[in-house]
Each structure stands twice: as C-alpha cells, then as structure tokens.
N, C-alpha and C. Protein backbone atom coordinates (compact mmCIF):
# COMPACT_ATOMS: atom_id res chain seq x y z
N MET A 1 -7.57 -38.72 9.22
CA MET A 1 -8.04 -38.43 7.90
C MET A 1 -7.93 -36.78 7.76
N ALA A 2 -7.82 -36.33 6.75
CA ALA A 2 -7.68 -35.10 7.22
C ALA A 2 -9.28 -34.31 6.74
N LYS A 3 -9.70 -32.95 7.46
CA LYS A 3 -10.70 -32.52 7.03
C LYS A 3 -10.68 -31.94 5.85
N ARG A 4 -12.05 -31.74 4.75
CA ARG A 4 -11.71 -30.91 4.04
C ARG A 4 -12.45 -29.74 4.08
N ARG A 5 -11.69 -28.74 3.56
CA ARG A 5 -11.94 -27.25 3.66
C ARG A 5 -13.08 -27.03 2.87
N ARG A 6 -14.23 -26.36 3.33
CA ARG A 6 -15.49 -25.68 2.71
C ARG A 6 -15.02 -24.71 2.11
N GLN A 7 -15.22 -24.89 0.89
CA GLN A 7 -15.31 -23.31 0.01
C GLN A 7 -16.54 -22.48 -0.21
N ARG A 8 -15.99 -21.29 0.05
CA ARG A 8 -17.10 -20.60 -0.32
C ARG A 8 -17.78 -19.80 -1.34
N SER A 9 -18.80 -19.79 -1.97
CA SER A 9 -19.34 -19.19 -3.38
C SER A 9 -18.85 -17.95 -3.24
N GLU A 10 -19.13 -17.57 -4.25
CA GLU A 10 -19.52 -16.48 -4.63
C GLU A 10 -20.27 -15.45 -4.14
N THR A 11 -21.34 -16.18 -3.82
CA THR A 11 -22.45 -15.50 -3.60
C THR A 11 -22.68 -14.97 -2.09
N ALA A 12 -22.04 -15.93 -1.29
CA ALA A 12 -21.46 -16.26 0.26
C ALA A 12 -20.96 -15.08 0.51
N ALA A 13 -19.72 -14.96 -0.43
CA ALA A 13 -18.83 -13.75 -0.11
C ALA A 13 -19.39 -12.35 -0.22
N LYS A 14 -20.09 -12.33 -1.42
CA LYS A 14 -20.98 -11.12 -1.55
C LYS A 14 -21.85 -10.59 -0.10
N HIS A 15 -22.57 -11.84 0.24
CA HIS A 15 -23.72 -11.96 0.99
C HIS A 15 -22.60 -11.10 2.61
N ASP A 16 -21.43 -11.50 2.79
CA ASP A 16 -20.60 -11.26 4.07
C ASP A 16 -20.11 -9.77 3.87
N LEU A 17 -20.19 -9.36 2.46
CA LEU A 17 -19.63 -8.03 2.23
C LEU A 17 -20.84 -6.86 2.51
N ILE A 18 -21.90 -7.30 1.87
CA ILE A 18 -23.24 -6.61 2.55
C ILE A 18 -23.26 -6.70 3.85
N ARG A 19 -23.59 -7.48 4.64
CA ARG A 19 -23.38 -7.32 6.19
C ARG A 19 -22.47 -6.55 6.58
N LEU A 20 -21.02 -6.94 6.27
CA LEU A 20 -20.21 -5.86 6.73
C LEU A 20 -20.33 -4.51 6.50
N CYS A 21 -21.27 -4.03 5.34
CA CYS A 21 -21.50 -2.70 5.41
C CYS A 21 -22.41 -2.21 5.87
N ALA A 22 -23.34 -2.98 5.86
CA ALA A 22 -24.76 -2.63 6.90
C ALA A 22 -24.05 -2.51 8.72
N PHE A 23 -23.17 -3.32 9.03
CA PHE A 23 -22.86 -3.12 10.27
C PHE A 23 -21.98 -2.03 10.82
N VAL A 24 -20.92 -1.93 9.75
CA VAL A 24 -20.07 -0.48 9.51
C VAL A 24 -21.21 0.92 9.84
N GLY A 25 -21.92 1.00 8.63
CA GLY A 25 -22.93 2.04 8.49
C GLY A 25 -23.30 2.20 9.77
N ILE A 26 -24.39 1.14 10.46
CA ILE A 26 -24.98 1.32 11.46
C ILE A 26 -23.98 1.82 12.66
N LEU A 27 -22.78 1.10 12.73
CA LEU A 27 -21.99 1.78 14.09
C LEU A 27 -21.18 3.16 13.92
N ILE A 28 -21.10 3.31 12.27
CA ILE A 28 -20.73 4.73 12.51
C ILE A 28 -21.84 5.79 12.83
N SER A 29 -23.12 5.35 12.18
CA SER A 29 -23.81 6.32 12.29
C SER A 29 -24.26 6.41 14.30
N ALA A 30 -24.72 5.27 14.88
CA ALA A 30 -24.81 5.30 15.98
C ALA A 30 -23.40 6.34 16.86
N VAL A 31 -22.44 6.33 16.52
CA VAL A 31 -21.46 6.63 17.17
C VAL A 31 -21.54 8.18 16.64
N LEU A 32 -21.66 8.69 15.59
CA LEU A 32 -21.75 9.97 15.13
C LEU A 32 -23.11 10.68 15.75
N PHE A 33 -24.01 10.41 16.05
CA PHE A 33 -25.42 10.53 16.21
C PHE A 33 -24.80 10.72 17.59
N VAL A 34 -24.44 10.09 18.44
CA VAL A 34 -24.15 10.13 20.25
C VAL A 34 -23.13 11.31 20.22
N VAL A 35 -21.93 11.57 19.31
CA VAL A 35 -20.75 12.59 19.60
C VAL A 35 -21.78 14.03 19.00
N GLY A 36 -22.50 13.72 18.12
CA GLY A 36 -23.12 15.07 17.61
C GLY A 36 -24.16 15.44 18.48
N ALA A 37 -24.94 14.52 19.66
CA ALA A 37 -25.88 14.84 20.73
C ALA A 37 -24.92 15.76 21.79
N ILE A 38 -23.69 15.06 21.92
CA ILE A 38 -22.87 15.91 22.89
C ILE A 38 -22.36 17.19 22.29
N LEU A 39 -22.00 17.02 21.82
CA LEU A 39 -21.40 18.72 21.23
C LEU A 39 -22.61 19.36 20.80
N ASN A 40 -23.96 18.94 20.40
CA ASN A 40 -25.16 19.91 20.82
C ASN A 40 -25.31 20.83 22.20
N ALA A 41 -25.26 19.52 22.91
CA ALA A 41 -25.53 19.95 24.25
C ALA A 41 -24.53 20.83 24.82
N CYS A 42 -23.42 20.91 24.23
CA CYS A 42 -22.21 21.58 24.68
C CYS A 42 -22.39 23.36 24.02
N GLY A 43 -23.20 23.07 23.37
CA GLY A 43 -23.38 24.39 22.60
C GLY A 43 -22.59 24.87 21.21
N LEU A 44 -22.15 23.43 20.70
CA LEU A 44 -21.24 23.41 19.60
C LEU A 44 -22.58 23.03 18.70
N GLY A 45 -23.39 23.79 18.23
CA GLY A 45 -24.59 22.94 17.32
C GLY A 45 -24.20 23.05 15.93
N ASN A 46 -23.32 23.78 15.41
CA ASN A 46 -22.89 23.91 14.34
C ASN A 46 -22.09 22.78 13.76
N VAL A 47 -21.36 22.05 14.57
CA VAL A 47 -20.66 20.82 14.06
C VAL A 47 -21.75 20.12 14.19
N THR A 48 -22.83 19.66 14.69
CA THR A 48 -23.30 18.66 14.61
C THR A 48 -23.91 18.49 13.39
N GLY A 49 -24.09 19.09 12.74
CA GLY A 49 -24.88 19.27 10.90
C GLY A 49 -23.81 18.48 10.22
N VAL A 50 -22.63 18.39 10.15
CA VAL A 50 -21.55 17.84 9.78
C VAL A 50 -21.62 16.42 10.03
N PHE A 51 -21.38 16.23 11.28
CA PHE A 51 -21.86 14.43 12.03
C PHE A 51 -22.80 14.24 11.64
N ASN A 52 -24.09 14.85 11.43
CA ASN A 52 -25.36 14.29 11.00
C ASN A 52 -25.24 13.90 9.74
N PHE A 53 -24.49 14.53 9.00
CA PHE A 53 -24.58 14.29 7.18
C PHE A 53 -23.66 12.96 7.03
N VAL A 54 -22.41 13.03 8.06
CA VAL A 54 -21.68 11.51 7.70
C VAL A 54 -22.54 10.62 8.46
N ALA A 55 -23.41 10.72 9.29
CA ALA A 55 -24.28 9.62 9.66
C ALA A 55 -25.18 9.09 8.77
N GLN A 56 -25.51 9.98 7.77
CA GLN A 56 -26.75 9.95 6.98
C GLN A 56 -25.94 9.07 5.57
N LEU A 57 -24.88 9.50 5.62
CA LEU A 57 -24.18 8.53 4.24
C LEU A 57 -23.61 7.18 4.90
N ALA A 58 -23.62 6.95 5.91
CA ALA A 58 -23.22 5.88 6.73
C ALA A 58 -24.46 4.70 6.30
N LEU A 59 -25.43 5.62 6.47
CA LEU A 59 -26.79 4.56 6.68
C LEU A 59 -27.36 4.17 5.12
N LEU A 60 -26.60 5.30 4.35
CA LEU A 60 -27.08 5.02 3.10
C LEU A 60 -26.26 3.98 2.37
N VAL A 61 -24.78 3.68 3.02
CA VAL A 61 -24.36 2.78 2.39
C VAL A 61 -24.74 1.40 2.95
N ALA A 62 -25.03 1.39 4.33
CA ALA A 62 -25.76 0.32 5.13
C ALA A 62 -27.07 -0.40 4.33
N VAL A 63 -27.88 0.82 3.80
CA VAL A 63 -29.14 0.38 3.04
C VAL A 63 -28.90 0.24 1.47
N ALA A 64 -28.08 0.71 0.87
CA ALA A 64 -28.22 1.01 -0.68
C ALA A 64 -27.67 -0.31 -1.13
N PHE A 65 -26.75 -0.96 -0.52
CA PHE A 65 -26.39 -2.34 -1.20
C PHE A 65 -27.11 -3.42 -1.03
N PRO A 66 -27.81 -3.79 0.04
CA PRO A 66 -28.69 -4.56 0.34
C PRO A 66 -30.19 -4.54 -0.70
N ALA A 67 -30.43 -3.22 -0.39
CA ALA A 67 -31.61 -2.92 -1.55
C ALA A 67 -31.64 -3.11 -3.22
N TRP A 68 -30.36 -2.47 -3.31
CA TRP A 68 -29.90 -3.08 -4.81
C TRP A 68 -29.84 -4.58 -4.74
N ASP A 69 -29.70 -5.23 -3.86
CA ASP A 69 -29.51 -6.84 -4.45
C ASP A 69 -30.62 -7.39 -4.26
N PHE A 70 -31.78 -6.58 -3.87
CA PHE A 70 -33.14 -7.50 -3.95
C PHE A 70 -33.67 -6.86 -4.89
N ILE A 71 -33.75 -5.59 -5.17
CA ILE A 71 -34.17 -4.92 -6.54
C ILE A 71 -34.09 -5.38 -7.67
N LYS A 72 -32.39 -5.76 -7.89
CA LYS A 72 -32.01 -6.14 -9.03
C LYS A 72 -32.84 -7.12 -9.74
N SER A 73 -33.35 -8.08 -9.27
CA SER A 73 -33.79 -9.10 -10.20
C SER A 73 -35.18 -8.95 -10.18
N LYS A 74 -35.84 -7.72 -9.95
CA LYS A 74 -37.26 -7.08 -10.29
C LYS A 74 -37.20 -6.44 -11.55
N GLY A 75 -38.52 -5.91 -11.86
CA GLY A 75 -38.56 -5.52 -13.14
C GLY A 75 -37.91 -4.01 -13.43
N LYS A 76 -38.15 -3.46 -14.62
CA LYS A 76 -37.72 -2.39 -14.87
C LYS A 76 -38.35 -0.95 -14.02
N VAL A 77 -39.40 -1.09 -13.65
CA VAL A 77 -40.10 0.05 -12.92
C VAL A 77 -39.41 -0.11 -11.61
N TRP A 78 -39.22 -1.21 -10.92
CA TRP A 78 -38.65 -1.13 -9.31
C TRP A 78 -37.16 -0.55 -9.44
N ARG A 79 -36.41 -0.99 -10.64
CA ARG A 79 -35.31 -0.50 -10.63
C ARG A 79 -35.22 0.95 -10.82
N ILE A 80 -36.12 1.54 -11.58
CA ILE A 80 -36.42 3.04 -11.79
C ILE A 80 -36.44 3.50 -10.35
N VAL A 81 -37.55 3.16 -9.65
CA VAL A 81 -38.24 3.52 -8.38
C VAL A 81 -36.96 3.52 -7.36
N TYR A 82 -35.98 2.55 -7.73
CA TYR A 82 -34.81 2.52 -6.59
C TYR A 82 -33.65 3.66 -6.86
N TRP A 83 -33.37 3.99 -7.93
CA TRP A 83 -32.72 4.85 -8.34
C TRP A 83 -33.13 6.17 -8.09
N VAL A 84 -34.28 6.52 -8.31
CA VAL A 84 -35.14 7.62 -7.99
C VAL A 84 -34.74 7.91 -6.73
N ALA A 85 -35.30 6.87 -5.76
CA ALA A 85 -35.19 7.03 -4.16
C ALA A 85 -33.97 7.44 -3.73
N LEU A 86 -32.88 6.82 -4.23
CA LEU A 86 -31.79 7.05 -3.68
C LEU A 86 -30.95 8.15 -4.13
N VAL A 87 -31.40 8.83 -5.57
CA VAL A 87 -30.69 10.02 -5.99
C VAL A 87 -31.82 10.90 -4.74
N ILE A 88 -32.74 10.89 -4.63
CA ILE A 88 -33.58 11.90 -3.65
C ILE A 88 -33.12 11.89 -1.89
N TYR A 89 -32.75 10.83 -1.73
CA TYR A 89 -32.17 10.69 -0.40
C TYR A 89 -30.80 11.11 -0.67
N ILE A 90 -30.25 11.43 -1.47
CA ILE A 90 -28.73 11.54 -1.50
C ILE A 90 -29.09 13.41 -1.61
N PHE A 91 -29.53 13.85 -2.31
CA PHE A 91 -29.70 15.36 -2.40
C PHE A 91 -30.54 15.79 -1.14
N GLY A 92 -31.10 14.76 -0.40
CA GLY A 92 -31.65 15.35 0.66
C GLY A 92 -30.73 15.45 1.99
N CYS A 93 -29.62 14.60 1.73
CA CYS A 93 -28.39 14.59 2.84
C CYS A 93 -27.41 15.75 2.25
N VAL A 94 -27.31 16.28 0.70
CA VAL A 94 -26.60 17.44 0.25
C VAL A 94 -27.31 18.31 0.89
N PHE A 95 -28.59 18.57 0.80
CA PHE A 95 -29.38 19.86 0.89
C PHE A 95 -29.32 20.13 2.43
N GLY A 96 -29.44 19.10 3.20
CA GLY A 96 -29.68 19.33 4.57
C GLY A 96 -28.26 19.69 5.47
N LEU A 97 -27.22 19.64 4.43
CA LEU A 97 -26.11 20.02 4.93
C LEU A 97 -25.51 21.52 4.45
N VAL A 98 -26.26 21.69 3.13
CA VAL A 98 -26.33 22.85 2.98
C VAL A 98 -26.74 24.02 4.27
N THR A 99 -27.88 23.57 4.38
CA THR A 99 -28.80 24.30 5.07
C THR A 99 -28.42 24.92 6.21
N VAL A 100 -27.35 23.76 6.84
CA VAL A 100 -26.34 24.07 8.05
C VAL A 100 -25.66 25.19 7.94
N TYR A 101 -24.89 25.17 6.82
CA TYR A 101 -23.78 26.09 6.83
C TYR A 101 -24.85 27.44 6.20
N VAL A 102 -25.75 27.38 5.71
CA VAL A 102 -26.44 28.61 5.14
C VAL A 102 -26.87 29.52 6.47
N ALA A 103 -27.18 28.44 7.57
CA ALA A 103 -27.52 29.07 8.60
C ALA A 103 -26.87 29.82 9.62
N PHE A 104 -25.15 29.88 9.30
CA PHE A 104 -24.22 30.58 10.16
C PHE A 104 -24.47 31.69 9.72
C-alpha cells in the first residue's frame, strides 16, 4: 500500500520562511559580533562599526517578519505602533553607522 504524501498548507510554508529568516538573522549576527570583537581587539575598531550595522540589520530581518505576523491581526493602533518602532529602529541603525564614519 502506497503512503500518502502529506501536503503542506500555505500557512505552514509561511511559518517555515519566518523561522528560516529568524535563524539566518541570528546566525549572521552572532558571526558578525564575534568577528567585530576580534577586529576591535586587533585595533581595527573602525571596521567593527560596519559589522555591527550588518548584524543589526540581520536581527531586524529576524524579528520584523514574526512581529508583523503577530501584529497584523491586531487593531490599527498596534499596526501604527509597529511601523513607528520599525522606522525608529532602522533610523537608529543608519545613524549609528553614520556616527561611526563621522568619528574618522
């Protein structure tokens, strides 16, 4: 008797994508934080700002999708709070990088 193949739903596939983004974001961030710390210890502190920026963006990807998935079914106020917080985080990342370059 042949086994029936279990079909995955669209929701299950979407959750797998979110989990993949979270894993990749955490993995990239961990590697970049370690590399940045090593470079900082070697006296190459200027380069660590760029690594920190990339790590922050990876964490943004890891958190933004699950947060939106959670918040999209909430009220309008919660969606506005989400977008405001996301924009503030992105500006914080960008201006954090700008201050690193200004310090040169």
